[in-house]
């Protein structure tokens, strides 16, 4: 294999790509998609809030009122998930890596909106 051969160039490209991927995993600190954890956490919170509303006749005053461990009401970055209720509609929001409303790609917000069951 000569210094400029296609096989050597391909090997260098593969090695560089592997380093970039490994660096990204170290930088982001997890093999699992962190944003997916936030989406799953929002879904889990929806289920808990709906159960709470059924048992107590209305939504909790705050996410802390659910009595969950603190990490269960935080996003994948350890930031608190925002919670608001308007009428019977609940909005859960994670502001993403920039911790501000709006953004896209890695800075995008994750939201989950749902309606509470009507009291019976």
C-alpha atoms as a PDB file:
ATOM      1  CA  UNK A   1       0.000   0.000   0.000  1.00  0.00           C
ATOM      2  CA  UNK A   2       1.530   3.322  -1.064  1.00  0.00           C
ATOM      3  CA  UNK A   3       1.229   6.591   0.814  1.00  0.00           C
ATOM      4  CA  UNK A   4      -1.587   7.884  -1.364  1.00  0.00           C
ATOM      5  CA  UNK A   5      -3.329   4.619  -2.169  1.00  0.00           C
ATOM      6  CA  UNK A   6      -7.144   4.468  -2.050  1.00  0.00           C
ATOM      7  CA  UNK A   7      -7.014   1.797   0.696  1.00  0.00           C
ATOM      8  CA  UNK A   8      -4.871   3.985   2.943  1.00  0.00           C
ATOM      9  CA  UNK A   9      -7.090   7.020   2.348  1.00  0.00           C
ATOM     10  CA  UNK A  10     -10.204   4.939   3.125  1.00  0.00           C
ATOM     11  CA  UNK A  11      -8.577   3.647   6.331  1.00  0.00           C
ATOM     12  CA  UNK A  12      -7.753   7.202   7.409  1.00  0.00           C
ATOM     13  CA  UNK A  13     -11.312   8.344   6.698  1.00  0.00           C
ATOM     14  CA  UNK A  14     -12.728   5.439   8.743  1.00  0.00           C
ATOM     15  CA  UNK A  15     -10.344   6.191  11.631  1.00  0.00           C
ATOM     16  CA  UNK A  16     -11.260   9.891  11.638  1.00  0.00           C
ATOM     17  CA  UNK A  17     -14.982   9.060  11.518  1.00  0.00           C
ATOM     18  CA  UNK A  18     -14.555   6.670  14.467  1.00  0.00           C
ATOM     19  CA  UNK A  19     -12.778   9.387  16.462  1.00  0.00           C
ATOM     20  CA  UNK A  20     -15.522  11.910  15.675  1.00  0.00           C
ATOM     21  CA  UNK A  21     -18.231   9.465  16.746  1.00  0.00           C
ATOM     22  CA  UNK A  22     -16.361   8.505  19.929  1.00  0.00           C
ATOM     23  CA  UNK A  23     -15.778  12.188  20.723  1.00  0.00           C
ATOM     24  CA  UNK A  24     -19.460  12.892  20.251  1.00  0.00           C
ATOM     25  CA  UNK A  25     -20.374  10.081  22.639  1.00  0.00           C
ATOM     26  CA  UNK A  26     -17.987  11.433  25.252  1.00  0.00           C
ATOM     27  CA  UNK A  27     -19.228  14.985  24.722  1.00  0.00           C
ATOM     28  CA  UNK A  28     -22.886  14.031  24.998  1.00  0.00           C
ATOM     29  CA  UNK A  29     -22.106  11.523  27.752  1.00  0.00           C
ATOM     30  CA  UNK A  30     -24.532   8.816  26.759  1.00  0.00           C
ATOM     31  CA  UNK A  31     -25.060   6.153  24.112  1.00  0.00           C
ATOM     32  CA  UNK A  32     -28.819   6.523  24.519  1.00  0.00           C
ATOM     33  CA  UNK A  33     -30.550   9.393  22.759  1.00  0.00           C
ATOM     34  CA  UNK A  34     -30.903  11.929  25.601  1.00  0.00           C
ATOM     35  CA  UNK A  35     -33.786  13.742  23.920  1.00  0.00           C
ATOM     36  CA  UNK A  36     -35.667  10.443  23.749  1.00  0.00           C
ATOM     37  CA  UNK A  37     -35.364  10.217  27.546  1.00  0.00           C
ATOM     38  CA  UNK A  38     -37.027  13.625  27.848  1.00  0.00           C
ATOM     39  CA  UNK A  39     -39.851  12.620  25.480  1.00  0.00           C
ATOM     40  CA  UNK A  40     -40.381   9.427  27.498  1.00  0.00           C
ATOM     41  CA  UNK A  41     -40.309  11.383  30.758  1.00  0.00           C
ATOM     42  CA  UNK A  42     -42.978  13.784  29.424  1.00  0.00           C
ATOM     43  CA  UNK A  43     -45.156  10.810  28.490  1.00  0.00           C
ATOM     44  CA  UNK A  44     -44.666   9.238  31.930  1.00  0.00           C
ATOM     45  CA  UNK A  45     -45.550  12.527  33.613  1.00  0.00           C
ATOM     46  CA  UNK A  46     -48.727  12.732  31.548  1.00  0.00           C
ATOM     47  CA  UNK A  47     -49.772   9.306  32.835  1.00  0.00           C
ATOM     48  CA  UNK A  48     -49.031  10.246  36.457  1.00  0.00           C
ATOM     49  CA  UNK A  49     -50.859  13.598  36.163  1.00  0.00           C
ATOM     50  CA  UNK A  50     -53.935  11.938  34.634  1.00  0.00           C
ATOM     51  CA  UNK A  51     -54.017   9.384  37.467  1.00  0.00           C
ATOM     52  CA  UNK A  52     -53.564  12.164  40.026  1.00  0.00           C
ATOM     53  CA  UNK A  53     -56.418  14.151  38.476  1.00  0.00           C
ATOM     54  CA  UNK A  54     -58.721  11.116  38.564  1.00  0.00           C
ATOM     55  CA  UNK A  55     -57.917  10.409  42.214  1.00  0.00           C
ATOM     56  CA  UNK A  56     -57.994  14.027  43.445  1.00  0.00           C
ATOM     57  CA  UNK A  57     -60.609  15.562  41.166  1.00  0.00           C
ATOM     58  CA  UNK A  58     -58.134  17.929  39.506  1.00  0.00           C
ATOM     59  CA  UNK A  59     -54.530  18.433  38.509  1.00  0.00           C
ATOM     60  CA  UNK A  60     -51.686  18.890  40.984  1.00  0.00           C
ATOM     61  CA  UNK A  61     -50.635  22.440  41.878  1.00  0.00           C
ATOM     62  CA  UNK A  62     -47.101  21.624  40.727  1.00  0.00           C
ATOM     63  CA  UNK A  63     -45.058  18.674  39.525  1.00  0.00           C
ATOM     64  CA  UNK A  64     -43.456  18.521  42.978  1.00  0.00           C
ATOM     65  CA  UNK A  65     -46.914  17.828  44.429  1.00  0.00           C
ATOM     66  CA  UNK A  66     -46.848  14.461  42.641  1.00  0.00           C
ATOM     67  CA  UNK A  67     -44.288  13.242  45.191  1.00  0.00           C
ATOM     68  CA  UNK A  68     -41.912  11.889  42.557  1.00  0.00           C
ATOM     69  CA  UNK A  69     -38.125  11.836  42.905  1.00  0.00           C
ATOM     70  CA  UNK A  70     -36.611  15.109  41.605  1.00  0.00           C
ATOM     71  CA  UNK A  71     -34.996  13.448  38.559  1.00  0.00           C
ATOM     72  CA  UNK A  72     -38.436  12.309  37.384  1.00  0.00           C
ATOM     73  CA  UNK A  73     -39.560  15.922  36.947  1.00  0.00           C
ATOM     74  CA  UNK A  74     -36.375  17.034  35.170  1.00  0.00           C
ATOM     75  CA  UNK A  75     -35.367  16.743  31.532  1.00  0.00           C
ATOM     76  CA  UNK A  76     -32.295  14.898  30.245  1.00  0.00           C
ATOM     77  CA  UNK A  77     -30.152  17.932  31.095  1.00  0.00           C
ATOM     78  CA  UNK A  78     -31.286  18.012  34.729  1.00  0.00           C
ATOM     79  CA  UNK A  79     -33.426  21.107  34.162  1.00  0.00           C
ATOM     80  CA  UNK A  80     -36.929  21.288  35.648  1.00  0.00           C
ATOM     81  CA  UNK A  81     -39.752  20.407  33.295  1.00  0.00           C
ATOM     82  CA  UNK A  82     -42.175  23.329  33.021  1.00  0.00           C
ATOM     83  CA  UNK A  83     -45.793  22.605  33.922  1.00  0.00           C
ATOM     84  CA  UNK A  84     -48.867  24.681  33.224  1.00  0.00           C
ATOM     85  CA  UNK A  85     -52.608  24.079  33.284  1.00  0.00           C
ATOM     86  CA  UNK A  86     -55.221  26.079  31.409  1.00  0.00           C
ATOM     87  CA  UNK A  87     -58.739  24.824  32.012  1.00  0.00           C
ATOM     88  CA  UNK A  88     -58.479  21.079  31.480  1.00  0.00           C
ATOM     89  CA  UNK A  89     -55.411  21.285  29.215  1.00  0.00           C
ATOM     90  CA  UNK A  90     -51.944  20.531  30.566  1.00  0.00           C
ATOM     91  CA  UNK A  91     -48.688  21.593  28.927  1.00  0.00           C
ATOM     92  CA  UNK A  92     -45.344  20.027  29.865  1.00  0.00           C
ATOM     93  CA  UNK A  93     -42.236  21.669  28.378  1.00  0.00           C
ATOM     94  CA  UNK A  94     -38.494  21.076  28.303  1.00  0.00           C
ATOM     95  CA  UNK A  95     -36.630  24.045  26.805  1.00  0.00           C
ATOM     96  CA  UNK A  96     -33.759  21.962  25.420  1.00  0.00           C
ATOM     97  CA  UNK A  97     -30.031  22.543  25.669  1.00  0.00           C
ATOM     98  CA  UNK A  98     -30.192  26.337  25.409  1.00  0.00           C
ATOM     99  CA  UNK A  99     -32.694  26.446  28.312  1.00  0.00           C
ATOM    100  CA  UNK A 100     -34.739  29.110  26.493  1.00  0.00           C
ATOM    101  CA  UNK A 101     -38.074  28.922  24.674  1.00  0.00           C
ATOM    102  CA  UNK A 102     -37.768  28.155  20.975  1.00  0.00           C
ATOM    103  CA  UNK A 103     -34.786  26.825  19.101  1.00  0.00           C
ATOM    104  CA  UNK A 104     -34.213  23.918  16.782  1.00  0.00           C
ATOM    105  CA  UNK A 105     -32.012  20.820  16.426  1.00  0.00           C
ATOM    106  CA  UNK A 106     -30.165  20.319  19.744  1.00  0.00           C
ATOM    107  CA  UNK A 107     -31.720  23.478  21.166  1.00  0.00           C
ATOM    108  CA  UNK A 108     -35.309  22.572  20.317  1.00  0.00           C
ATOM    109  CA  UNK A 109     -38.053  22.489  22.911  1.00  0.00           C
ATOM    110  CA  UNK A 110     -39.925  19.296  23.758  1.00  0.00           C
ATOM    111  CA  UNK A 111     -43.589  19.719  24.594  1.00  0.00           C
ATOM    112  CA  UNK A 112     -46.462  17.476  25.514  1.00  0.00           C
ATOM    113  CA  UNK A 113     -50.016  18.804  25.619  1.00  0.00           C
ATOM    114  CA  UNK A 114     -52.949  16.749  26.825  1.00  0.00           C
ATOM    115  CA  UNK A 115     -56.449  17.128  28.246  1.00  0.00           C
ATOM    116  CA  UNK A 116     -57.353  15.956  31.727  1.00  0.00           C
ATOM    117  CA  UNK A 117     -60.249  13.554  32.157  1.00  0.00           C
ATOM    118  CA  UNK A 118     -63.527  15.129  33.159  1.00  0.00           C
ATOM    119  CA  UNK A 119     -64.516  14.511  36.816  1.00  0.00           C
ATOM    120  CA  UNK A 120     -67.094  11.782  37.216  1.00  0.00           C
END
